[in-house]
Amino acid sequence: MNIFETKIICKTFQGLEQVLAEELQTLNAQNIQVIKRAVVCDYNLELLYRCNLELRTCLKVLVPVFEFESNSPEDLYNFASRISWEDFFNIDQSFAIDFTIQSEYFKHSQFASLKLKDAICDRFRNLHKGKRPDVNTEKPDILFNLHIYRNQVTVSLDSSGTSLHQRGNRIEQTIAPINEVLAAGLVLLSKWDKQSHFIDAMCGSGTIVLEAASMAINKAPNLDRTYFCFKHWKNYDKSLYNDICTELEQKITKFPYKIIGSDNSKKSIFTTQTNVKKAGYNSIIEVRESSIQKVIPPMGKGTLIINPPYGERMQTHEIDRLYKQIGTAFKEHFTGYTCGIISSDIEALKNIGLKPFKKYALINGKLDCIFNLYEMYEGSKRKPKTTNQDTSPNE
């Protein structure tokens, strides 16, 4: 079997699976299948590179290479010892093993990964007179992913290496920063058309406006990233990869509308300005120091998305007052805008005082959250009720 004629598994956060599937459709992926926290499609080399470069809601791109059953660490070692690991990489390359294990047969997950590491190293020792490749847990040349569910073992090649949310354009952060993949997911879920203004009035470290800006100019999120494990694979096609990068660079365009990040914290403003400069988006993103109550958005249509403090960071009476102020700001200042808010505090969201036309269940870090979207209209600001209204918690 050719180890590279298989499937691609694109991992994401729970709640963003369908968004990721839609992204894969734009890349002409075939036989797309949504599973929990991931989307699967058919493999081809060009698609693998594009997934790593272009997908905004993807954390990792995996290629499964072996699947087998194992009821003990010894079984795992014995099977893995018979695999021709030299087909994947050379002795002078470094490797590491990432793992996700849910099994009564492997109660110590790290021990299972050690058994796999031992099998790989022993295979090379037998072939190279006692020599073995180095392990590098920071930036390995080759990264294997070990997934065990009950007695089903899957070993995959991790083509990404470090998580794809590490775009390389955020060097400063504030307390509880939002992950780039989740931030991109919020923008995509809002259905912002990139033909109108975009605002984050509680911008923190600027992650949401940075993601919006890259979408606005049609820049692939990881175009500036240099580290990908697939560059160390034996089938790496440098010419194909460079051609894709050149094509993506030529697709970058100008954005005639405004993207604004504002916050009432001087530290947040400094952090956002630093990150905007690092990303090279000074001419695209305007940074303002202002509370959400005082933000005056550009006239016309637009989208506002905020990630306000949750209950874990504020007292109940403070957060209730804040969310009432947010609702008031939506109604008084953002006519014509779609307003989105993500929060883990379901009770506090009631203080917004508006009925969302869309809501999505998401996870931010370890917190279960709701992402509510409101359409702000003149007068009642309420959208006429329709039969296809979607308020399902998980799209």
Protein backbone atom coordinates (compact mmCIF):
# COMPACT_ATOMS: atom_id res chain seq x y z
CA MET A 1 0.00 0.00 0.00
CA ASN A 2 1.24 3.48 -0.83
CA ILE A 3 1.16 5.17 2.58
CA PHE A 4 0.18 8.50 1.01
CA GLU A 5 -2.91 7.20 -0.82
CA THR A 6 -5.28 7.55 2.09
CA LYS A 7 -7.44 10.08 3.92
CA ILE A 8 -6.87 13.54 5.31
CA ILE A 9 -8.20 14.32 8.80
CA CYS A 10 -8.60 18.03 9.59
CA LYS A 11 -9.03 18.64 13.31
CA THR A 12 -10.96 21.55 14.77
CA PHE A 13 -12.88 22.70 17.84
CA GLN A 14 -16.24 21.22 18.73
CA GLY A 15 -18.94 23.29 17.08
CA LEU A 16 -16.83 24.34 14.09
CA GLU A 17 -16.97 21.06 12.18
CA GLN A 18 -19.52 22.24 9.63
CA VAL A 19 -17.65 25.51 9.09
CA LEU A 20 -14.49 23.52 8.40
CA ALA A 21 -16.38 21.22 6.02
CA GLU A 22 -17.55 24.28 4.07
CA GLU A 23 -13.97 25.52 3.88
CA LEU A 24 -12.88 22.15 2.50
CA GLN A 25 -15.60 22.37 -0.14
CA THR A 26 -14.05 25.60 -1.41
CA LEU A 27 -10.77 23.66 -1.82
CA ASN A 28 -12.59 21.04 -3.91
CA ALA A 29 -12.01 18.29 -1.36
CA GLN A 30 -13.73 15.01 -2.19
CA ASN A 31 -15.85 12.67 -0.04
CA ILE A 32 -16.08 15.09 2.87
CA GLN A 33 -17.28 13.52 6.11
CA VAL A 34 -17.95 15.42 9.34
CA ILE A 35 -16.99 13.65 12.57
CA LYS A 36 -16.60 14.91 16.14
CA ARG A 37 -14.03 17.70 16.27
CA ALA A 38 -12.77 16.86 12.78
CA VAL A 39 -13.58 16.58 9.10
CA VAL A 40 -12.32 13.74 6.87
CA CYS A 41 -11.78 13.85 3.10
CA ASP A 42 -9.83 12.07 0.37
CA TYR A 43 -6.07 12.62 0.22
CA ASN A 44 -4.06 14.29 -2.48
CA LEU A 45 -0.77 16.11 -2.10
CA GLU A 46 -1.92 19.49 -3.37
CA LEU A 47 -4.93 19.43 -1.09
CA LEU A 48 -2.69 18.57 1.88
CA TYR A 49 -0.61 21.69 1.30
CA ARG A 50 -3.68 23.85 0.74
CA CYS A 51 -5.32 22.60 3.93
CA ASN A 52 -2.32 23.70 5.97
CA LEU A 53 -2.03 27.05 4.22
CA GLU A 54 -5.65 28.04 3.62
CA LEU A 55 -7.97 26.52 6.22
CA ARG A 56 -8.88 29.07 8.88
CA THR A 57 -10.77 26.77 11.27
CA CYS A 58 -8.33 23.85 11.21
CA LEU A 59 -5.98 23.03 14.08
CA LYS A 60 -4.09 20.08 12.59
CA VAL A 61 -3.96 18.17 9.31
CA LEU A 62 -3.36 14.45 9.85
CA VAL A 63 -2.78 11.60 7.41
CA PRO A 64 -3.60 8.16 8.91
CA VAL A 65 -1.02 5.55 7.92
CA PHE A 66 -1.76 2.53 10.15
CA GLU A 67 -4.81 1.19 11.94
CA PHE A 68 -4.88 -1.93 14.09
CA GLU A 69 -6.35 -3.39 17.27
CA SER A 70 -4.41 -3.57 20.51
CA ASN A 71 -5.42 -4.66 23.98
CA SER A 72 -2.22 -3.78 25.83
CA PRO A 73 0.97 -1.70 25.57
CA GLU A 74 2.80 -4.92 24.73
CA ASP A 75 0.47 -5.54 21.77
CA LEU A 76 1.09 -2.00 20.63
CA TYR A 77 4.86 -2.46 20.80
CA ASN A 78 4.80 -5.81 19.01
CA PHE A 79 2.71 -4.52 16.12
CA ALA A 80 4.62 -1.25 15.84
CA SER A 81 7.94 -3.11 15.82
CA ARG A 82 6.98 -4.73 12.52
CA ILE A 83 6.25 -1.43 10.77
CA SER A 84 8.82 -0.14 8.27
CA TRP A 85 9.32 3.26 9.91
CA GLU A 86 12.25 3.89 7.58
CA ASP A 87 9.67 4.38 4.82
CA PHE A 88 8.56 7.54 6.60
CA PHE A 89 11.81 9.20 7.64
CA ASN A 90 15.56 8.84 7.88
CA ILE A 91 17.74 8.19 10.88
CA ASP A 92 19.20 11.72 10.75
CA GLN A 93 15.74 13.29 11.14
CA SER A 94 14.13 14.01 14.52
CA PHE A 95 10.66 12.81 15.50
CA ALA A 96 8.06 13.09 18.23
CA ILE A 97 4.74 11.49 19.15
CA ASP A 98 1.55 13.34 20.02
CA PHE A 99 -1.23 11.27 21.52
CA THR A 100 -4.93 11.19 22.36
CA ILE A 101 -6.02 8.11 24.27
CA GLN A 102 -9.40 7.02 25.64
CA SER A 103 -9.15 3.36 26.54
CA GLU A 104 -9.50 1.02 29.49
CA TYR A 105 -6.61 -0.96 28.04
CA PHE A 106 -4.22 2.00 28.22
CA LYS A 107 -4.72 3.63 31.59
CA HIS A 108 -1.42 5.49 31.38
CA SER A 109 -1.55 7.31 28.06
CA GLN A 110 2.04 8.51 28.16
CA PHE A 111 3.22 4.91 28.62
CA ALA A 112 1.48 3.93 25.37
CA SER A 113 3.28 6.71 23.49
CA LEU A 114 6.58 5.58 25.03
CA LYS A 115 5.94 2.06 23.75
CA LEU A 116 5.42 3.43 20.25
CA LYS A 117 8.60 5.51 20.55
CA ASP A 118 10.54 2.42 21.71
CA ALA A 119 9.24 0.41 18.75
CA ILE A 120 10.33 3.09 16.30
CA CYS A 121 13.77 3.47 17.88
CA ASP A 122 14.32 -0.29 18.12
CA ARG A 123 13.45 -0.67 14.45
CA PHE A 124 16.16 1.83 13.52
CA ARG A 125 18.66 0.30 15.94
CA ASN A 126 18.25 -3.05 14.25
CA LEU A 127 18.81 -1.49 10.83
CA HIS A 128 21.67 0.88 11.73
CA LYS A 129 23.90 -1.02 14.16
CA GLY A 130 22.47 0.45 17.33
CA LYS A 131 21.90 4.00 16.06
CA ARG A 132 18.49 5.64 16.34
CA PRO A 133 16.87 8.99 15.40
CA ASP A 134 16.63 11.78 17.94
CA VAL A 135 13.42 12.80 19.68
CA ASN A 136 12.56 16.50 19.47
CA THR A 137 9.37 17.51 21.25
CA GLU A 138 9.60 21.19 20.28
CA LYS A 139 9.93 21.23 16.49
CA PRO A 140 10.42 17.70 15.20
CA ASP A 141 11.01 16.93 11.55
CA ILE A 142 8.44 14.15 11.73
CA LEU A 143 5.46 14.19 14.10
CA PHE A 144 3.34 11.09 14.62
CA ASN A 145 -0.11 11.21 16.13
CA LEU A 146 -1.18 8.22 18.22
CA HIS A 147 -4.94 7.93 18.68
CA ILE A 148 -6.40 5.10 20.73
CA TYR A 149 -10.12 4.64 21.36
CA ARG A 150 -10.87 1.48 23.32
CA ASN A 151 -8.75 -1.08 21.44
CA GLN A 152 -8.67 0.75 18.09
CA VAL A 153 -5.25 2.23 17.40
CA THR A 154 -4.60 4.77 14.65
CA VAL A 155 -1.13 6.10 13.86
CA SER A 156 -1.11 9.21 11.68
CA LEU A 157 1.46 11.55 10.24
CA ASP A 158 0.90 15.10 11.48
CA SER A 159 1.57 17.27 8.46
CA SER A 160 1.24 20.53 10.38
CA GLY A 161 3.63 20.12 13.31
CA THR A 162 2.63 22.87 15.71
CA SER A 163 -1.04 23.86 15.82
CA LEU A 164 -2.23 25.85 12.82
CA HIS A 165 -3.70 28.52 15.08
CA GLN A 166 -0.12 29.77 15.48
CA ARG A 167 -0.25 32.16 12.54
CA GLY A 168 2.87 34.00 13.65
CA ASN A 169 1.23 37.42 13.85
CA ARG A 170 0.45 37.65 17.57
CA ILE A 171 3.42 38.38 19.80
CA GLU A 172 1.54 39.94 22.72
CA GLN A 173 -1.59 38.71 24.47
CA THR A 174 -3.98 39.75 27.21
CA ILE A 175 -5.71 37.68 29.88
CA ALA A 176 -7.75 34.78 28.41
CA PRO A 177 -6.98 35.45 24.72
CA ILE A 178 -9.21 33.79 22.17
CA ASN A 179 -7.67 31.14 19.92
CA GLU A 180 -7.17 32.21 16.28
CA VAL A 181 -9.06 29.20 14.93
CA LEU A 182 -12.06 29.97 17.14
CA ALA A 183 -11.85 33.67 16.23
CA ALA A 184 -11.89 32.79 12.53
CA GLY A 185 -14.82 30.48 13.18
CA LEU A 186 -16.81 33.31 14.77
CA VAL A 187 -16.22 35.54 11.75
CA LEU A 188 -17.23 32.79 9.34
CA LEU A 189 -20.31 31.87 11.39
CA SER A 190 -21.39 35.53 11.30
CA LYS A 191 -21.50 35.28 7.47
CA TRP A 192 -19.67 38.58 7.15
CA ASP A 193 -19.55 39.21 3.40
CA LYS A 194 -16.28 41.23 3.40
CA GLN A 195 -18.21 43.93 1.56
CA SER A 196 -18.89 45.99 4.69
CA HIS A 197 -17.26 47.23 7.89
CA PHE A 198 -16.06 44.97 10.71
CA ILE A 199 -15.64 45.87 14.39
CA ASP A 200 -14.52 44.21 17.61
CA ALA A 201 -15.38 46.66 20.39
CA MET A 202 -13.70 44.54 23.10
CA CYS A 203 -10.66 43.58 21.10
CA GLY A 204 -8.31 42.37 23.85
CA SER A 205 -5.15 41.32 21.99
CA GLY A 206 -6.78 41.88 18.60
CA THR A 207 -7.18 38.28 17.50
CA ILE A 208 -10.67 38.65 16.02
CA VAL A 209 -9.85 41.76 13.97
CA LEU A 210 -6.60 40.15 12.78
CA GLU A 211 -8.54 37.14 11.50
CA ALA A 212 -11.13 39.41 9.88
CA ALA A 213 -8.37 41.44 8.21
CA SER A 214 -6.74 38.39 6.64
CA MET A 215 -10.15 37.37 5.28
CA ALA A 216 -10.83 40.89 4.04
CA ILE A 217 -7.71 40.98 1.87
CA ASN A 218 -8.07 37.30 0.92
CA LYS A 219 -4.77 36.32 2.51
CA ALA A 220 -4.33 32.65 3.40
CA PRO A 221 -4.01 32.46 7.22
CA ASN A 222 -0.73 30.50 7.23
CA LEU A 223 0.91 31.93 4.13
CA ASP A 224 3.69 33.52 6.24
CA ARG A 225 4.29 30.39 8.29
CA THR A 226 7.51 28.50 7.47
CA TYR A 227 7.34 25.43 9.73
CA PHE A 228 5.30 22.48 8.48
CA CYS A 229 6.22 18.87 9.13
CA PHE A 230 5.20 17.84 5.61
CA LYS A 231 8.29 19.67 4.35
CA HIS A 232 10.34 16.84 5.89
CA TRP A 233 8.33 14.00 4.36
CA LYS A 234 9.91 11.85 1.69
CA ASN A 235 7.22 12.80 -0.83
CA TYR A 236 7.57 16.56 -0.29
CA ASP A 237 7.12 18.38 -3.58
CA LYS A 238 8.83 21.75 -3.09
CA SER A 239 7.93 22.97 -6.57
CA LEU A 240 4.23 22.24 -6.05
CA TYR A 241 4.28 23.92 -2.65
CA ASN A 242 6.00 27.04 -3.98
CA ASP A 243 3.54 27.25 -6.89
CA ILE A 244 0.63 27.18 -4.45
CA CYS A 245 2.21 29.89 -2.30
CA THR A 246 2.79 32.09 -5.36
CA GLU A 247 -0.82 31.63 -6.43
CA LEU A 248 -2.08 32.55 -2.95
CA GLU A 249 0.11 35.66 -2.83
CA GLN A 250 -1.35 36.82 -6.14
CA LYS A 251 -4.88 36.50 -4.75
CA ILE A 252 -4.29 39.09 -2.01
CA THR A 253 -6.43 42.15 -2.66
CA LYS A 254 -7.28 45.53 -1.13
CA PHE A 255 -10.13 46.17 1.30
CA PRO A 256 -12.10 49.43 0.89
CA TYR A 257 -14.08 49.28 4.15
CA LYS A 258 -13.09 49.77 7.78
CA ILE A 259 -11.91 47.20 10.30
CA ILE A 260 -11.86 48.63 13.82
CA GLY A 261 -10.59 47.19 17.07
CA SER A 262 -11.45 49.09 20.22
CA ASP A 263 -11.18 48.50 23.95
CA ASN A 264 -11.37 50.56 27.12
CA SER A 265 -8.12 49.02 28.42
CA LYS A 266 -4.87 50.84 27.62
CA LYS A 267 -3.00 47.54 27.90
CA SER A 268 -5.33 45.90 25.39
CA ILE A 269 -4.92 48.79 22.98
CA PHE A 270 -1.13 48.60 23.22
CA THR A 271 -1.24 44.81 22.76
CA THR A 272 -3.54 45.06 19.74
CA GLN A 273 -1.43 47.79 18.15
CA THR A 274 1.69 45.64 18.62
CA ASN A 275 0.06 42.62 17.01
CA VAL A 276 -1.46 44.63 14.16
CA LYS A 277 1.98 46.05 13.36
CA LYS A 278 3.56 42.59 13.54
CA ALA A 279 0.96 41.27 11.07
CA GLY A 280 1.52 44.20 8.72
CA TYR A 281 -2.10 45.31 8.94
CA ASN A 282 -1.62 48.95 10.04
CA SER A 283 -3.31 50.23 6.88
CA ILE A 284 -6.24 47.82 7.31
CA ILE A 285 -7.06 47.84 11.03
CA GLU A 286 -7.84 51.00 12.98
CA VAL A 287 -7.27 50.70 16.74
CA ARG A 288 -9.21 52.94 19.14
CA GLU A 289 -9.32 53.33 22.90
CA SER A 290 -13.02 53.39 23.80
CA SER A 291 -15.65 51.59 25.82
CA ILE A 292 -18.32 49.77 23.83
CA GLN A 293 -20.90 52.33 25.00
CA LYS A 294 -18.98 55.10 23.25
CA VAL A 295 -18.03 53.34 20.03
CA ILE A 296 -19.47 55.15 17.01
CA PRO A 297 -19.31 52.72 14.08
CA PRO A 298 -19.09 53.76 10.43
CA MET A 299 -22.45 54.32 8.78
CA GLY A 300 -23.98 51.59 6.71
CA LYS A 301 -23.81 47.85 7.03
CA GLY A 302 -21.28 45.95 9.04
CA THR A 303 -20.54 43.18 11.49
CA LEU A 304 -19.58 43.49 15.15
CA ILE A 305 -18.19 40.53 17.11
CA ILE A 306 -17.12 40.72 20.75
CA ASN A 307 -15.66 38.32 23.28
CA PRO A 308 -16.52 40.06 26.58
CA PRO A 309 -15.38 38.95 30.04
CA TYR A 310 -17.21 35.90 31.34
CA GLY A 311 -18.38 35.25 34.88
CA GLU A 312 -15.05 33.70 35.85
CA ARG A 313 -13.37 37.10 35.60
CA MET A 314 -16.06 39.37 37.11
CA GLN A 315 -18.58 39.49 39.95
CA THR A 316 -22.19 38.65 39.04
CA HIS A 317 -23.52 42.18 39.54
CA GLU A 318 -20.69 43.63 37.46
CA ILE A 319 -21.20 41.24 34.57
CA ASP A 320 -24.99 41.77 34.57
CA ARG A 321 -24.45 45.52 34.32
CA LEU A 322 -21.84 45.07 31.57
CA TYR A 323 -24.10 42.87 29.44
CA LYS A 324 -26.98 45.34 29.81
CA GLN A 325 -24.63 48.06 28.57
CA ILE A 326 -23.64 45.84 25.65
CA GLY A 327 -27.29 45.34 24.71
CA THR A 328 -27.92 49.07 24.92
CA ALA A 329 -24.91 49.77 22.72
CA PHE A 330 -26.15 47.27 20.15
CA LYS A 331 -29.53 48.97 19.99
CA GLU A 332 -28.37 52.58 20.07
CA HIS A 333 -25.25 52.54 17.90
CA PHE A 334 -25.23 49.52 15.61
CA THR A 335 -28.30 49.90 13.41
CA GLY A 336 -27.70 48.03 10.16
CA TYR A 337 -25.08 45.75 11.73
CA THR A 338 -25.02 42.06 12.58
CA CYS A 339 -23.83 41.86 16.18
CA GLY A 340 -22.25 38.72 17.62
CA ILE A 341 -21.26 37.88 21.17
CA ILE A 342 -19.62 34.74 22.55
CA SER A 343 -19.96 33.95 26.24
CA SER A 344 -20.01 31.06 28.68
CA ASP A 345 -22.40 32.97 30.96
CA ILE A 346 -25.87 31.99 29.73
CA GLU A 347 -27.62 34.03 32.43
CA ALA A 348 -25.63 37.14 31.61
CA LEU A 349 -26.56 36.84 27.94
CA LYS A 350 -30.20 37.34 28.90
CA ASN A 351 -29.26 40.90 29.90
CA ILE A 352 -28.55 41.74 26.26
CA GLY A 353 -32.32 42.14 25.93
CA LEU A 354 -32.53 40.97 22.33
CA LYS A 355 -33.53 37.73 20.67
CA PRO A 356 -30.73 36.15 18.63
CA PHE A 357 -31.56 35.01 15.11
CA LYS A 358 -28.73 32.46 15.29
CA LYS A 359 -27.00 30.72 18.15
CA TYR A 360 -24.17 28.21 18.16
CA ALA A 361 -22.71 26.03 20.90
CA LEU A 362 -18.91 26.37 20.94
CA ILE A 363 -16.01 25.73 23.30
CA ASN A 364 -13.54 28.45 24.25
CA GLY A 365 -10.63 26.84 26.04
CA LYS A 366 -12.37 24.54 28.53
CA LEU A 367 -15.55 26.63 28.70
CA ASP A 368 -18.81 25.71 27.03
CA CYS A 369 -19.99 28.85 25.27
CA ILE A 370 -22.86 30.21 23.22
CA PHE A 371 -22.25 32.42 20.22
CA ASN A 372 -25.33 34.60 19.66
CA LEU A 373 -25.97 36.67 16.55
CA TYR A 374 -28.38 39.61 16.46
CA GLU A 375 -29.54 41.60 13.44
CA MET A 376 -30.01 45.24 14.34
CA TYR A 377 -32.80 46.96 12.42
CA GLU A 378 -34.23 50.45 12.59
CA GLY A 379 -37.32 50.84 14.71
CA SER A 380 -38.02 47.55 16.44
CA LYS A 381 -34.71 46.12 15.17
CA ARG A 382 -36.47 42.76 15.02
CA LYS A 383 -36.40 40.51 12.01
CA PRO A 384 -39.77 39.16 10.87
CA LYS A 385 -40.16 35.59 12.07
CA THR A 386 -39.40 32.99 9.41
CA THR A 387 -39.89 29.27 9.27
CA ASN A 388 -36.25 28.47 8.56
CA GLN A 389 -34.85 30.26 11.58
CA ASP A 390 -31.86 28.31 12.92
CA THR A 391 -31.37 28.33 16.67
CA SER A 392 -29.82 24.91 16.93
CA PRO A 393 -26.91 24.88 19.37
CA ASN A 394 -24.47 23.00 17.21
CA GLU A 395 -24.08 23.69 13.50
